Amino acid sequence: HDIQYGDNTGAVYMKGEYTGVIVRYCKFSGISNRGNAHNGAAVFSYETPNVEVHHCTIFSCGAGIYSKRNANLWSPNGWDIHHNVIHDCSDSGVFISVQGAGDSGQHDGHKIYLNLFYNHNIAIYANPFETVGQSTNLSVYQNTFGSGITEPLGARGVTNVRVHSNAFTGSGIKWYTEGPTGSHSNSVAECDYNRYLATGFQVATNRYSSAKTYNSLAALQTA
């Protein structure tokens, strides 16, 4: 905890195309953003594919797990994130993005499952804003999204998104259907067997517009 503060800082920091890294049975706290620092995370990576993070407890960080840029040389290059408790992160529990503007690495095949999230603004935020590449194959399943979450899942510019068998105790899913170009909008391949204890999942054309709520994928498709 209380790792040095600065931009793009992580307790576990990875940079480079090393595959097969495993982070397990760890406890992280206090890797937060202070002053003008940005992107502090418990687990932070540039271009490191096929990472597995499991059985960790992460709290009071900027982001819990941050894959900022992935490696195009590996396909699929997605991470396995499972059996973690992630809470009270000021940015996101899990953040998937790119480095700066433009195409800086396609994310392909992230799997996020069997985790507990609570007390986040956004629990999982996939925002790979690319101008050339297209991120794909994001699977979110068998997670529990507890109290204190404004948006459990935000997806923007990702194709073949699968979300199933999750429990949402507060707000449901919010899809951002916009993308960096007209052809880079989200593609929802599966959204079934989720339990919404409050609202259903929401769809907005962008993160600033009002969202409509749907209780099933069929309801969205026929809207």
C-alpha atoms as a PDB file:
ATOM      1  CA  HIS A   1       0.000   0.000   0.000  1.00  0.00           C
ATOM      2  CA  ASP A   2       0.893   3.694  -0.290  1.00  0.00           C
ATOM      3  CA  ILE A   3       2.986   3.236  -3.419  1.00  0.00           C
ATOM      4  CA  GLN A   4       4.817   6.328  -4.768  1.00  0.00           C
ATOM      5  CA  TYR A   5       2.479   8.726  -6.489  1.00  0.00           C
ATOM      6  CA  GLY A   6       2.710   9.796 -10.111  1.00  0.00           C
ATOM      7  CA  ASP A   7       1.057   9.178 -13.456  1.00  0.00           C
ATOM      8  CA  ASN A   8       0.599   5.557 -14.531  1.00  0.00           C
ATOM      9  CA  THR A   9       1.752   4.006 -11.277  1.00  0.00           C
ATOM     10  CA  GLY A  10       1.004   0.505 -10.068  1.00  0.00           C
ATOM     11  CA  ALA A  11       1.901  -1.747  -7.165  1.00  0.00           C
ATOM     12  CA  VAL A  12       2.367  -4.402  -9.844  1.00  0.00           C
ATOM     13  CA  TYR A  13       3.653  -2.624 -12.963  1.00  0.00           C
ATOM     14  CA  MET A  14       4.128  -4.477 -16.250  1.00  0.00           C
ATOM     15  CA  LYS A  15       5.430  -3.123 -19.527  1.00  0.00           C
ATOM     16  CA  GLY A  16       6.295  -5.206 -22.546  1.00  0.00           C
ATOM     17  CA  GLU A  17       5.060  -8.239 -24.373  1.00  0.00           C
ATOM     18  CA  TYR A  18       5.674 -10.829 -21.662  1.00  0.00           C
ATOM     19  CA  THR A  19       2.912 -13.396 -21.714  1.00  0.00           C
ATOM     20  CA  GLY A  20       1.647 -15.594 -18.913  1.00  0.00           C
ATOM     21  CA  VAL A  21       2.096 -13.257 -15.921  1.00  0.00           C
ATOM     22  CA  ILE A  22       0.007 -14.328 -12.879  1.00  0.00           C
ATOM     23  CA  VAL A  23      -0.934 -12.051  -9.963  1.00  0.00           C
ATOM     24  CA  ARG A  24      -2.624 -14.039  -7.206  1.00  0.00           C
ATOM     25  CA  TYR A  25      -3.427 -14.045  -3.483  1.00  0.00           C
ATOM     26  CA  CYS A  26      -2.404 -10.399  -3.012  1.00  0.00           C
ATOM     27  CA  LYS A  27      -3.883  -7.509  -1.048  1.00  0.00           C
ATOM     28  CA  PHE A  28      -3.612  -3.980  -2.451  1.00  0.00           C
ATOM     29  CA  SER A  29      -4.707  -0.661  -0.973  1.00  0.00           C
ATOM     30  CA  GLY A  30      -3.785   3.007  -1.088  1.00  0.00           C
ATOM     31  CA  ILE A  31      -2.494   3.171  -4.673  1.00  0.00           C
ATOM     32  CA  SER A  32      -4.538   6.267  -5.331  1.00  0.00           C
ATOM     33  CA  ASN A  33      -4.412   9.419  -7.407  1.00  0.00           C
ATOM     34  CA  ARG A  34      -3.235  12.460  -5.483  1.00  0.00           C
ATOM     35  CA  GLY A  35      -2.704  15.992  -6.662  1.00  0.00           C
ATOM     36  CA  ASN A  36      -2.199  16.006 -10.438  1.00  0.00           C
ATOM     37  CA  ALA A  37      -1.370  12.299 -10.639  1.00  0.00           C
ATOM     38  CA  HIS A  38      -3.464  10.095 -12.929  1.00  0.00           C
ATOM     39  CA  ASN A  39      -4.013   6.394 -13.597  1.00  0.00           C
ATOM     40  CA  GLY A  40      -2.821   4.914 -10.336  1.00  0.00           C
ATOM     41  CA  ALA A  41      -3.801   1.237 -10.075  1.00  0.00           C
ATOM     42  CA  ALA A  42      -3.095  -1.847  -8.019  1.00  0.00           C
ATOM     43  CA  VAL A  43      -2.185  -3.795 -11.183  1.00  0.00           C
ATOM     44  CA  PHE A  44      -1.088  -1.677 -14.148  1.00  0.00           C
ATOM     45  CA  SER A  45       0.095  -2.723 -17.600  1.00  0.00           C
ATOM     46  CA  TYR A  46       1.297  -1.497 -20.955  1.00  0.00           C
ATOM     47  CA  GLU A  47       1.292  -4.115 -23.727  1.00  0.00           C
ATOM     48  CA  THR A  48       1.324  -7.177 -21.484  1.00  0.00           C
ATOM     49  CA  PRO A  49      -0.948  -9.883 -22.891  1.00  0.00           C
ATOM     50  CA  ASN A  50      -2.601 -12.895 -21.287  1.00  0.00           C
ATOM     51  CA  VAL A  51      -2.274 -11.796 -17.662  1.00  0.00           C
ATOM     52  CA  GLU A  52      -4.221 -13.638 -14.955  1.00  0.00           C
ATOM     53  CA  VAL A  53      -5.306 -11.841 -11.770  1.00  0.00           C
ATOM     54  CA  HIS A  54      -7.119 -13.973  -9.208  1.00  0.00           C
ATOM     55  CA  HIS A  55      -7.932 -14.284  -5.516  1.00  0.00           C
ATOM     56  CA  CYS A  56      -6.825 -10.716  -4.770  1.00  0.00           C
ATOM     57  CA  THR A  57      -8.393  -8.081  -2.528  1.00  0.00           C
ATOM     58  CA  ILE A  58      -8.128  -4.573  -3.958  1.00  0.00           C
ATOM     59  CA  PHE A  59      -9.504  -1.398  -2.381  1.00  0.00           C
ATOM     60  CA  SER A  60      -8.919   2.345  -2.002  1.00  0.00           C
ATOM     61  CA  CYS A  61      -7.014   2.615  -5.297  1.00  0.00           C
ATOM     62  CA  GLY A  62      -7.399   4.847  -8.339  1.00  0.00           C
ATOM     63  CA  ALA A  63      -8.243   1.794 -10.421  1.00  0.00           C
ATOM     64  CA  GLY A  64      -8.123  -1.792  -9.290  1.00  0.00           C
ATOM     65  CA  ILE A  65      -6.819  -3.397 -12.484  1.00  0.00           C
ATOM     66  CA  TYR A  66      -5.778  -1.259 -15.458  1.00  0.00           C
ATOM     67  CA  SER A  67      -4.837  -2.700 -18.847  1.00  0.00           C
ATOM     68  CA  LYS A  68      -3.942   0.507 -20.634  1.00  0.00           C
ATOM     69  CA  ARG A  69      -2.679  -0.867 -23.897  1.00  0.00           C
ATOM     70  CA  ASN A  70      -2.472  -4.373 -25.281  1.00  0.00           C
ATOM     71  CA  ALA A  71      -0.102  -6.123 -27.638  1.00  0.00           C
ATOM     72  CA  ASN A  72      -1.146  -6.640 -31.249  1.00  0.00           C
ATOM     73  CA  LEU A  73       1.420  -9.413 -31.686  1.00  0.00           C
ATOM     74  CA  TRP A  74      -0.694 -11.748 -29.547  1.00  0.00           C
ATOM     75  CA  SER A  75      -4.176 -12.903 -30.436  1.00  0.00           C
ATOM     76  CA  PRO A  76      -6.093 -13.413 -28.317  1.00  0.00           C
ATOM     77  CA  ASN A  77      -4.317 -11.234 -25.790  1.00  0.00           C
ATOM     78  CA  GLY A  78      -7.041 -10.818 -23.171  1.00  0.00           C
ATOM     79  CA  TRP A  79      -6.698 -11.104 -19.432  1.00  0.00           C
ATOM     80  CA  ASP A  80      -8.366 -13.557 -17.043  1.00  0.00           C
ATOM     81  CA  ILE A  81      -9.664 -11.611 -14.025  1.00  0.00           C
ATOM     82  CA  HIS A  82     -11.488 -13.834 -11.550  1.00  0.00           C
ATOM     83  CA  HIS A  83     -12.195 -14.577  -7.872  1.00  0.00           C
ATOM     84  CA  ASN A  84     -11.246 -11.069  -6.717  1.00  0.00           C
ATOM     85  CA  VAL A  85     -12.876  -8.645  -4.284  1.00  0.00           C
ATOM     86  CA  ILE A  86     -12.522  -5.110  -5.663  1.00  0.00           C
ATOM     87  CA  HIS A  87     -14.095  -2.156  -3.896  1.00  0.00           C
ATOM     88  CA  ASP A  88     -13.840   1.568  -3.175  1.00  0.00           C
ATOM     89  CA  CYS A  89     -11.772   2.507  -6.239  1.00  0.00           C
ATOM     90  CA  SER A  90     -12.110   6.140  -7.324  1.00  0.00           C
ATOM     91  CA  ASP A  91     -11.825   5.469 -11.079  1.00  0.00           C
ATOM     92  CA  SER A  92     -12.894   1.928 -11.978  1.00  0.00           C
ATOM     93  CA  GLY A  93     -12.575  -1.529 -10.512  1.00  0.00           C
ATOM     94  CA  VAL A  94     -11.343  -2.827 -13.879  1.00  0.00           C
ATOM     95  CA  PHE A  95     -10.331  -0.360 -16.600  1.00  0.00           C
ATOM     96  CA  ILE A  96      -9.527  -1.432 -20.181  1.00  0.00           C
ATOM     97  CA  SER A  97      -8.328   1.348 -22.462  1.00  0.00           C
ATOM     98  CA  VAL A  98      -5.628   2.486 -24.858  1.00  0.00           C
ATOM     99  CA  GLN A  99      -2.677   4.824 -24.544  1.00  0.00           C
ATOM    100  CA  GLY A 100      -3.642   8.329 -25.556  1.00  0.00           C
ATOM    101  CA  ALA A 101      -5.381   8.909 -28.872  1.00  0.00           C
ATOM    102  CA  GLY A 102      -5.423   6.673 -31.898  1.00  0.00           C
ATOM    103  CA  ASP A 103      -4.820   2.983 -32.390  1.00  0.00           C
ATOM    104  CA  SER A 104      -2.439   1.656 -29.765  1.00  0.00           C
ATOM    105  CA  GLY A 105      -3.220  -1.994 -29.402  1.00  0.00           C
ATOM    106  CA  GLN A 106      -6.291  -4.118 -29.884  1.00  0.00           C
ATOM    107  CA  HIS A 107      -7.799  -5.804 -26.841  1.00  0.00           C
ATOM    108  CA  ASP A 108      -9.066  -9.286 -27.698  1.00  0.00           C
ATOM    109  CA  GLY A 109     -10.536 -11.800 -25.305  1.00  0.00           C
ATOM    110  CA  HIS A 110     -10.746 -10.257 -21.824  1.00  0.00           C
ATOM    111  CA  LYS A 111     -12.679 -12.470 -19.382  1.00  0.00           C
ATOM    112  CA  ILE A 112     -13.949 -11.038 -16.095  1.00  0.00           C
ATOM    113  CA  TYR A 113     -15.775 -13.549 -13.921  1.00  0.00           C
ATOM    114  CA  LEU A 114     -16.559 -14.638 -10.357  1.00  0.00           C
ATOM    115  CA  ASN A 115     -15.571 -11.281  -8.841  1.00  0.00           C
ATOM    116  CA  LEU A 116     -17.266  -9.126  -6.216  1.00  0.00           C
ATOM    117  CA  PHE A 117     -17.444  -5.389  -6.911  1.00  0.00           C
ATOM    118  CA  TYR A 118     -18.870  -2.651  -4.693  1.00  0.00           C
ATOM    119  CA  ASN A 119     -18.500   1.087  -4.023  1.00  0.00           C
ATOM    120  CA  HIS A 120     -17.276   2.240  -7.447  1.00  0.00           C
ATOM    121  CA  ASN A 121     -18.315   4.950  -9.863  1.00  0.00           C
ATOM    122  CA  ILE A 122     -17.874   2.400 -12.674  1.00  0.00           C
ATOM    123  CA  ALA A 123     -17.047  -1.196 -11.695  1.00  0.00           C
ATOM    124  CA  ILE A 124     -15.860  -2.302 -15.172  1.00  0.00           C
ATOM    125  CA  TYR A 125     -15.114   0.223 -17.911  1.00  0.00           C
ATOM    126  CA  ALA A 126     -13.998  -0.964 -21.357  1.00  0.00           C
ATOM    127  CA  ASN A 127     -13.141   2.117 -23.385  1.00  0.00           C
ATOM    128  CA  PRO A 128     -10.608   1.173 -26.081  1.00  0.00           C
ATOM    129  CA  PHE A 129     -11.032   4.326 -28.177  1.00  0.00           C
ATOM    130  CA  GLU A 130      -9.242   3.287 -31.350  1.00  0.00           C
ATOM    131  CA  THR A 131      -9.180   4.845 -34.804  1.00  0.00           C
ATOM    132  CA  VAL A 132      -7.918   1.781 -36.655  1.00  0.00           C
ATOM    133  CA  GLY A 133      -8.051  -1.363 -34.552  1.00  0.00           C
ATOM    134  CA  GLN A 134     -11.239  -2.783 -33.075  1.00  0.00           C
ATOM    135  CA  SER A 135     -11.348  -4.430 -29.676  1.00  0.00           C
ATOM    136  CA  THR A 136     -13.499  -7.513 -29.369  1.00  0.00           C
ATOM    137  CA  ASN A 137     -14.562 -10.546 -27.328  1.00  0.00           C
ATOM    138  CA  LEU A 138     -15.208  -9.075 -23.889  1.00  0.00           C
ATOM    139  CA  SER A 139     -16.876 -11.593 -21.537  1.00  0.00           C
ATOM    140  CA  VAL A 140     -18.322 -10.597 -18.157  1.00  0.00           C
ATOM    141  CA  TYR A 141     -20.061 -13.372 -16.263  1.00  0.00           C
ATOM    142  CA  GLN A 142     -20.900 -14.768 -12.818  1.00  0.00           C
ATOM    143  CA  ASN A 143     -19.900 -11.557 -11.041  1.00  0.00           C
ATOM    144  CA  THR A 144     -21.725  -9.868  -8.175  1.00  0.00           C
ATOM    145  CA  PHE A 145     -22.135  -6.105  -8.413  1.00  0.00           C
ATOM    146  CA  GLY A 146     -22.990  -4.887  -4.944  1.00  0.00           C
ATOM    147  CA  SER A 147     -24.080  -1.597  -3.447  1.00  0.00           C
ATOM    148  CA  GLY A 148     -22.560   1.811  -4.041  1.00  0.00           C
ATOM    149  CA  ILE A 149     -21.956   1.361  -7.779  1.00  0.00           C
ATOM    150  CA  THR A 150     -23.131   4.073 -10.163  1.00  0.00           C
ATOM    151  CA  GLU A 151     -22.524   2.004 -13.314  1.00  0.00           C
ATOM    152  CA  PRO A 152     -21.550  -1.671 -13.048  1.00  0.00           C
ATOM    153  CA  LEU A 153     -20.400  -1.928 -16.670  1.00  0.00           C
ATOM    154  CA  GLY A 154     -19.630   0.635 -19.340  1.00  0.00           C
ATOM    155  CA  ALA A 155     -18.590  -0.620 -22.793  1.00  0.00           C
ATOM    156  CA  ARG A 156     -17.608   1.704 -25.605  1.00  0.00           C
ATOM    157  CA  GLY A 157     -16.277   0.656 -28.978  1.00  0.00           C
ATOM    158  CA  VAL A 158     -16.131  -3.106 -28.348  1.00  0.00           C
ATOM    159  CA  THR A 159     -17.563  -5.885 -30.528  1.00  0.00           C
ATOM    160  CA  ASN A 160     -18.834  -9.294 -29.441  1.00  0.00           C
ATOM    161  CA  VAL A 161     -19.591  -8.330 -25.849  1.00  0.00           C
ATOM    162  CA  ARG A 162     -21.023 -11.156 -23.730  1.00  0.00           C
ATOM    163  CA  VAL A 163     -22.574 -10.441 -20.340  1.00  0.00           C
ATOM    164  CA  HIS A 164     -24.390 -13.270 -18.606  1.00  0.00           C
ATOM    165  CA  SER A 165     -25.153 -14.865 -15.251  1.00  0.00           C
ATOM    166  CA  ASN A 166     -24.300 -11.807 -13.165  1.00  0.00           C
ATOM    167  CA  ALA A 167     -26.122 -10.398 -10.134  1.00  0.00           C
ATOM    168  CA  PHE A 168     -26.790  -6.656 -10.154  1.00  0.00           C
ATOM    169  CA  THR A 169     -28.051  -5.432  -6.808  1.00  0.00           C
ATOM    170  CA  GLY A 170     -28.214  -1.771  -7.821  1.00  0.00           C
ATOM    171  CA  SER A 171     -28.063  -0.172 -11.259  1.00  0.00           C
ATOM    172  CA  GLY A 172     -27.862  -2.449 -14.272  1.00  0.00           C
ATOM    173  CA  ILE A 173     -25.550  -2.435 -17.272  1.00  0.00           C
ATOM    174  CA  LYS A 174     -25.046   0.738 -19.257  1.00  0.00           C
ATOM    175  CA  TRP A 175     -23.883   0.283 -22.834  1.00  0.00           C
ATOM    176  CA  TYR A 176     -22.261   3.224 -24.597  1.00  0.00           C
ATOM    177  CA  THR A 177     -23.149   2.475 -28.178  1.00  0.00           C
ATOM    178  CA  GLU A 178     -20.969   5.190 -29.652  1.00  0.00           C
ATOM    179  CA  GLY A 179     -17.514   4.475 -31.007  1.00  0.00           C
ATOM    180  CA  PRO A 180     -14.625   6.459 -32.491  1.00  0.00           C
ATOM    181  CA  THR A 181     -16.145   5.907 -35.932  1.00  0.00           C
ATOM    182  CA  GLY A 182     -19.566   4.820 -37.050  1.00  0.00           C
ATOM    183  CA  SER A 183     -18.361   1.248 -37.601  1.00  0.00           C
ATOM    184  CA  HIS A 184     -16.801   0.934 -34.151  1.00  0.00           C
ATOM    185  CA  SER A 185     -19.907   0.814 -32.022  1.00  0.00           C
ATOM    186  CA  ASN A 186     -20.603  -1.929 -29.511  1.00  0.00           C
ATOM    187  CA  SER A 187     -21.850  -5.317 -30.611  1.00  0.00           C
ATOM    188  CA  VAL A 188     -23.839  -7.082 -27.891  1.00  0.00           C
ATOM    189  CA  ALA A 189     -23.585 -10.799 -28.631  1.00  0.00           C
ATOM    190  CA  GLU A 190     -25.119 -12.083 -25.394  1.00  0.00           C
ATOM    191  CA  CYS A 191     -26.925 -10.540 -22.458  1.00  0.00           C
ATOM    192  CA  ASP A 192     -28.819 -13.337 -20.753  1.00  0.00           C
ATOM    193  CA  TYR A 193     -29.392 -14.978 -17.372  1.00  0.00           C
ATOM    194  CA  ASN A 194     -28.506 -11.834 -15.424  1.00  0.00           C
ATOM    195  CA  ARG A 195     -30.404 -10.994 -12.272  1.00  0.00           C
ATOM    196  CA  TYR A 196     -31.396  -7.355 -11.818  1.00  0.00           C
ATOM    197  CA  LEU A 197     -32.572  -6.645  -8.294  1.00  0.00           C
ATOM    198  CA  ALA A 198     -33.275  -2.999  -9.109  1.00  0.00           C
ATOM    199  CA  THR A 199     -33.252  -1.862 -12.756  1.00  0.00           C
ATOM    200  CA  GLY A 200     -32.480  -3.693 -15.968  1.00  0.00           C
ATOM    201  CA  PHE A 201     -29.651  -2.810 -18.300  1.00  0.00           C
ATOM    202  CA  GLN A 202     -29.459   0.608 -19.921  1.00  0.00           C
ATOM    203  CA  VAL A 203     -28.461   1.714 -23.392  1.00  0.00           C
ATOM    204  CA  ALA A 204     -27.239   5.214 -24.217  1.00  0.00           C
ATOM    205  CA  THR A 205     -25.940   6.549 -27.533  1.00  0.00           C
ATOM    206  CA  ASN A 206     -23.049   8.134 -25.625  1.00  0.00           C
ATOM    207  CA  ARG A 207     -22.024   8.678 -22.042  1.00  0.00           C
ATOM    208  CA  TYR A 208     -23.660  12.106 -21.906  1.00  0.00           C
ATOM    209  CA  SER A 209     -27.095  11.168 -23.187  1.00  0.00           C
ATOM    210  CA  SER A 210     -30.079   9.820 -21.299  1.00  0.00           C
ATOM    211  CA  ALA A 211     -30.285   6.040 -21.171  1.00  0.00           C
ATOM    212  CA  LYS A 212     -33.268   3.789 -21.750  1.00  0.00           C
ATOM    213  CA  THR A 213     -33.731   0.708 -19.603  1.00  0.00           C
ATOM    214  CA  TYR A 214     -34.375  -2.813 -20.935  1.00  0.00           C
ATOM    215  CA  ASN A 215     -34.949  -5.990 -18.985  1.00  0.00           C
ATOM    216  CA  SER A 216     -33.778  -8.373 -21.718  1.00  0.00           C
ATOM    217  CA  LEU A 217     -31.729  -8.427 -24.892  1.00  0.00           C
ATOM    218  CA  ALA A 218     -34.898  -9.263 -26.842  1.00  0.00           C
ATOM    219  CA  ALA A 219     -36.529  -6.076 -25.577  1.00  0.00           C
ATOM    220  CA  LEU A 220     -33.572  -4.065 -26.820  1.00  0.00           C
ATOM    221  CA  GLN A 221     -33.530  -5.775 -30.215  1.00  0.00           C
ATOM    222  CA  THR A 222     -37.228  -5.076 -30.810  1.00  0.00           C
ATOM    223  CA  ALA A 223     -37.107  -1.453 -29.599  1.00  0.00           C
END
